[in-house]
Amino acid sequence: MSTSKIQGNSNKRLRNVTIVKPIIYGSYAVPLQKKLENGHTHRWTVFVRGVNGEDISTYIKKVVFRLHESFENPNRVVDSFPYEVSETGWGEFEILIKLYFQDPSEKHISFFHQLQLYPKDDTNLQGKKPVLSDHYDELVFHEPVQSMHKFLTTPSNISDNKPEYLINNYTEDREKMELQQIRKYQQKVLQEIEEYKRKNEILEQKIKSMPVTNT
């Protein structure tokens, strides 16, 4: 779970307000019919998206994907929706993903994704089927400043032009699995919020019990 704590310059936080934004990040790889002259065997896309494919640029300003250093310009900056990078290659490697938010006072979030070209059970690396490797996560904004709250509550549009990895891979069974993951994460978020409130109450009680000294 990625939990974002606002580092805003303003003290105008919205107390007791928590907003959760679910996202999906991952990659989709398709074997090429013929190996390229440079040895590349797959076409792949790494992405960050909303759970339902909605436009998340309402609160995300840009996404930086750091590819393997063997690629030309390995730091790819995508500053508009959809947040994805497509390339061709022959090997699997770890991709660093950084999310930057519309509110400049909001600290960016980083995480890694392992690019997967072959099915996990393909020990001979001869797979000829597309491979989708993605992960569900939640961005938790607890007591955001007013400016960030505005971005987070702006309605998002869902595009009718769905990418290939959404059209070909999201079956009913997969949707059920994702729903189970969402419920699990929601329960975890609620527990973390309650723990945060408990610690905050203890801190406030300690502050109130401190003796007042006259200077």
Protein backbone atom coordinates (compact mmCIF):
# COMPACT_ATOMS: atom_id res chain seq x y z
CA MET A 1 0.00 0.00 0.00
CA SER A 2 1.30 3.47 -0.85
CA THR A 3 0.36 6.00 1.83
CA SER A 4 0.86 9.65 1.00
CA LYS A 5 1.28 12.17 3.79
CA ILE A 6 0.83 15.75 2.68
CA GLN A 7 3.74 18.08 3.28
CA GLY A 8 1.86 21.25 2.38
CA ASN A 9 2.90 24.78 3.29
CA SER A 10 -0.62 25.60 4.44
CA ASN A 11 -1.97 24.56 7.82
CA LYS A 12 -5.48 24.34 6.44
CA ARG A 13 -5.88 20.60 6.54
CA LEU A 14 -9.27 19.00 6.30
CA ARG A 15 -9.41 17.19 9.62
CA ASN A 16 -10.92 13.72 9.77
CA VAL A 17 -11.01 13.53 5.96
CA THR A 18 -9.45 10.54 4.22
CA ILE A 19 -9.55 9.95 0.47
CA VAL A 20 -8.44 6.67 -1.09
CA LYS A 21 -7.50 6.49 -4.77
CA PRO A 22 -7.09 2.94 -6.13
CA ILE A 23 -4.67 2.45 -9.01
CA ILE A 24 -3.33 -0.36 -11.17
CA TYR A 25 0.28 -0.43 -12.35
CA GLY A 26 2.08 -3.03 -14.38
CA SER A 27 3.12 -4.11 -17.86
CA TYR A 28 1.77 -5.89 -20.91
CA ALA A 29 4.10 -7.79 -23.23
CA VAL A 30 3.34 -9.24 -26.67
CA PRO A 31 5.75 -11.56 -28.53
CA LEU A 32 6.82 -10.28 -31.94
CA GLN A 33 6.09 -12.54 -34.89
CA LYS A 34 9.71 -12.21 -35.96
CA LYS A 35 12.79 -11.29 -33.96
CA LEU A 36 14.10 -7.84 -34.87
CA GLU A 37 17.63 -7.25 -36.16
CA ASN A 38 18.63 -5.84 -32.77
CA GLY A 39 17.53 -9.09 -31.09
CA HIS A 40 14.30 -7.71 -29.63
CA THR A 41 11.63 -10.36 -29.20
CA HIS A 42 8.71 -8.49 -27.56
CA ARG A 43 6.69 -5.32 -27.71
CA TRP A 44 5.73 -4.15 -24.23
CA THR A 45 3.98 -1.34 -22.40
CA VAL A 46 4.45 -0.26 -18.78
CA PHE A 47 1.57 1.74 -17.31
CA VAL A 48 -0.17 3.36 -14.36
CA ARG A 49 -3.94 3.69 -14.61
CA GLY A 50 -7.16 3.94 -12.66
CA VAL A 51 -8.94 0.73 -11.71
CA ASN A 52 -11.64 1.34 -14.32
CA GLY A 53 -9.37 2.99 -16.86
CA GLU A 54 -10.42 6.47 -15.73
CA ASP A 55 -8.35 9.58 -16.38
CA ILE A 56 -6.19 9.98 -13.25
CA SER A 57 -4.61 13.24 -14.43
CA THR A 58 -7.18 15.02 -12.26
CA TYR A 59 -4.77 14.52 -9.35
CA ILE A 60 -1.59 13.09 -10.95
CA LYS A 61 0.56 15.62 -12.79
CA LYS A 62 3.16 13.31 -14.31
CA VAL A 63 4.65 9.84 -14.09
CA VAL A 64 8.35 9.07 -14.54
CA PHE A 65 9.34 5.59 -15.68
CA ARG A 66 13.02 4.70 -15.25
CA LEU A 67 13.87 1.92 -17.70
CA HIS A 68 17.02 -0.17 -17.96
CA GLU A 69 20.04 2.02 -18.70
CA SER A 70 20.58 0.20 -22.01
CA PHE A 71 17.58 2.08 -23.44
CA GLU A 72 18.06 5.47 -25.03
CA ASN A 73 16.80 8.13 -22.60
CA PRO A 74 15.95 5.63 -19.83
CA ASN A 75 14.09 8.24 -17.75
CA ARG A 76 10.78 8.62 -19.54
CA VAL A 77 8.57 11.48 -18.34
CA VAL A 78 4.86 11.21 -19.21
CA ASP A 79 2.99 14.38 -18.31
CA SER A 80 -0.43 13.60 -19.75
CA PHE A 81 -2.96 10.78 -19.67
CA PRO A 82 -2.59 7.88 -20.42
CA TYR A 83 0.50 7.34 -18.28
CA GLU A 84 2.36 4.64 -20.15
CA VAL A 85 5.53 3.92 -22.10
CA SER A 86 5.84 1.42 -24.96
CA GLU A 87 9.07 -0.15 -26.19
CA THR A 88 10.52 -3.30 -27.70
CA GLY A 89 13.11 -5.50 -26.02
CA TRP A 90 14.36 -8.98 -25.26
CA GLY A 91 14.99 -9.03 -21.50
CA GLU A 92 13.14 -8.57 -18.23
CA PHE A 93 14.22 -5.90 -15.73
CA GLU A 94 12.97 -3.77 -12.84
CA ILE A 95 11.28 -0.46 -13.65
CA LEU A 96 11.19 2.42 -11.17
CA ILE A 97 7.90 4.33 -11.28
CA LYS A 98 7.46 7.78 -9.71
CA LEU A 99 4.09 9.52 -9.33
CA TYR A 100 3.99 13.32 -9.05
CA PHE A 101 0.79 15.03 -7.96
CA GLN A 102 -1.02 18.12 -9.18
CA ASP A 103 -0.46 19.87 -5.86
CA PRO A 104 3.27 20.81 -5.89
CA SER A 105 3.43 20.55 -2.09
CA GLU A 106 2.56 16.85 -2.28
CA LYS A 107 5.55 14.55 -1.99
CA HIS A 108 6.00 12.16 -4.90
CA ILE A 109 5.59 8.40 -4.48
CA SER A 110 7.99 5.75 -5.85
CA PHE A 111 7.61 2.02 -6.39
CA PHE A 112 9.07 -0.72 -8.57
CA HIS A 113 7.62 -3.06 -11.17
CA GLN A 114 9.31 -6.12 -12.62
CA LEU A 115 8.80 -6.23 -16.39
CA GLN A 116 7.60 -9.71 -17.34
CA LEU A 117 7.88 -10.97 -20.92
CA TYR A 118 7.25 -14.67 -20.36
CA PRO A 119 4.69 -16.61 -18.31
CA LYS A 120 6.06 -17.66 -14.92
CA ASP A 121 5.72 -21.35 -15.80
CA ASP A 122 7.60 -20.94 -19.10
CA THR A 123 11.03 -22.23 -18.07
CA ASN A 124 12.21 -22.48 -21.69
CA LEU A 125 11.35 -18.85 -22.49
CA GLN A 126 9.44 -19.90 -25.57
CA GLY A 127 6.12 -18.29 -24.70
CA LYS A 128 4.08 -17.07 -27.64
CA LYS A 129 1.18 -15.54 -25.71
CA PRO A 130 0.75 -11.99 -24.38
CA VAL A 131 1.66 -11.56 -20.72
CA LEU A 132 -0.13 -9.12 -18.41
CA SER A 133 1.59 -8.47 -15.07
CA ASP A 134 -0.15 -5.85 -12.97
CA HIS A 135 -0.74 -4.91 -9.35
CA TYR A 136 -3.50 -3.22 -7.40
CA ASP A 137 -2.55 -0.51 -4.92
CA GLU A 138 -4.19 2.37 -3.09
CA LEU A 139 -3.00 5.94 -2.58
CA VAL A 140 -4.25 7.09 0.82
CA PHE A 141 -4.56 10.83 1.48
CA HIS A 142 -5.32 11.47 5.14
CA GLU A 143 -6.29 15.03 6.08
CA PRO A 144 -5.13 16.60 2.79
CA VAL A 145 -4.75 20.33 2.39
CA GLN A 146 -7.62 22.10 0.67
CA SER A 147 -5.88 22.48 -2.69
CA MET A 148 -5.09 18.76 -2.90
CA HIS A 149 -8.60 17.87 -1.77
CA LYS A 150 -9.96 19.79 -4.75
CA PHE A 151 -7.82 17.77 -7.17
CA LEU A 152 -8.77 14.50 -5.49
CA THR A 153 -12.50 15.18 -5.71
CA THR A 154 -12.54 16.37 -9.32
CA PRO A 155 -14.63 13.89 -11.39
CA SER A 156 -12.64 11.66 -13.75
CA ASN A 157 -13.70 10.71 -17.25
CA ILE A 158 -13.54 7.12 -18.48
CA SER A 159 -12.22 6.83 -22.01
CA ASP A 160 -14.09 4.69 -24.54
CA ASN A 161 -10.77 3.85 -26.22
CA LYS A 162 -9.46 1.11 -23.95
CA PRO A 163 -5.87 -0.09 -24.40
CA GLU A 164 -5.10 -3.56 -25.68
CA TYR A 165 -4.19 -4.95 -22.25
CA LEU A 166 -7.64 -4.03 -20.90
CA ILE A 167 -9.62 -5.39 -23.83
CA ASN A 168 -7.87 -8.77 -24.08
CA ASN A 169 -7.19 -9.72 -20.49
CA TYR A 170 -9.96 -8.64 -18.14
CA THR A 171 -12.26 -11.62 -17.73
CA GLU A 172 -15.02 -12.11 -15.17
CA ASP A 173 -12.73 -14.25 -13.00
CA ARG A 174 -10.05 -11.57 -13.03
CA GLU A 175 -12.60 -8.90 -12.07
CA LYS A 176 -13.70 -11.05 -9.11
CA MET A 177 -10.08 -11.43 -8.02
CA GLU A 178 -9.51 -7.68 -8.21
CA LEU A 179 -12.69 -7.04 -6.23
CA GLN A 180 -11.39 -9.31 -3.48
CA GLN A 181 -8.09 -7.42 -3.49
CA ILE A 182 -9.92 -4.09 -3.27
CA ARG A 183 -11.94 -5.25 -0.26
CA LYS A 184 -8.79 -6.52 1.46
CA TYR A 185 -7.00 -3.23 0.94
CA GLN A 186 -10.02 -1.22 2.06
CA GLN A 187 -10.10 -3.16 5.33
CA LYS A 188 -6.39 -2.54 5.80
CA VAL A 189 -6.83 1.18 5.13
CA LEU A 190 -9.62 1.41 7.72
CA GLN A 191 -7.41 -0.30 10.28
CA GLU A 192 -4.54 2.09 9.58
CA ILE A 193 -6.87 5.09 9.89
CA GLU A 194 -8.16 3.89 13.24
CA GLU A 195 -4.60 3.34 14.45
CA TYR A 196 -3.66 6.84 13.29
CA LYS A 197 -6.63 8.32 15.17
CA ARG A 198 -5.74 6.36 18.31
CA LYS A 199 -2.15 7.59 18.30
CA ASN A 200 -3.32 11.14 17.61
CA GLU A 201 -5.71 11.04 20.59
CA ILE A 202 -2.94 9.75 22.86
CA LEU A 203 -0.66 12.56 21.69
CA GLU A 204 -3.33 15.19 22.28
CA GLN A 205 -3.95 13.85 25.79
CA LYS A 206 -0.24 14.04 26.58
CA ILE A 207 -0.10 17.61 25.33
CA LYS A 208 -3.09 18.59 27.49
CA SER A 209 -1.58 16.95 30.56
CA MET A 210 1.71 18.83 30.23
CA PRO A 211 2.15 21.48 32.92
CA VAL A 212 1.89 25.07 31.79
CA THR A 213 4.86 27.16 32.77
CA ASN A 214 4.86 30.92 32.96
CA THR A 215 7.77 32.72 31.40
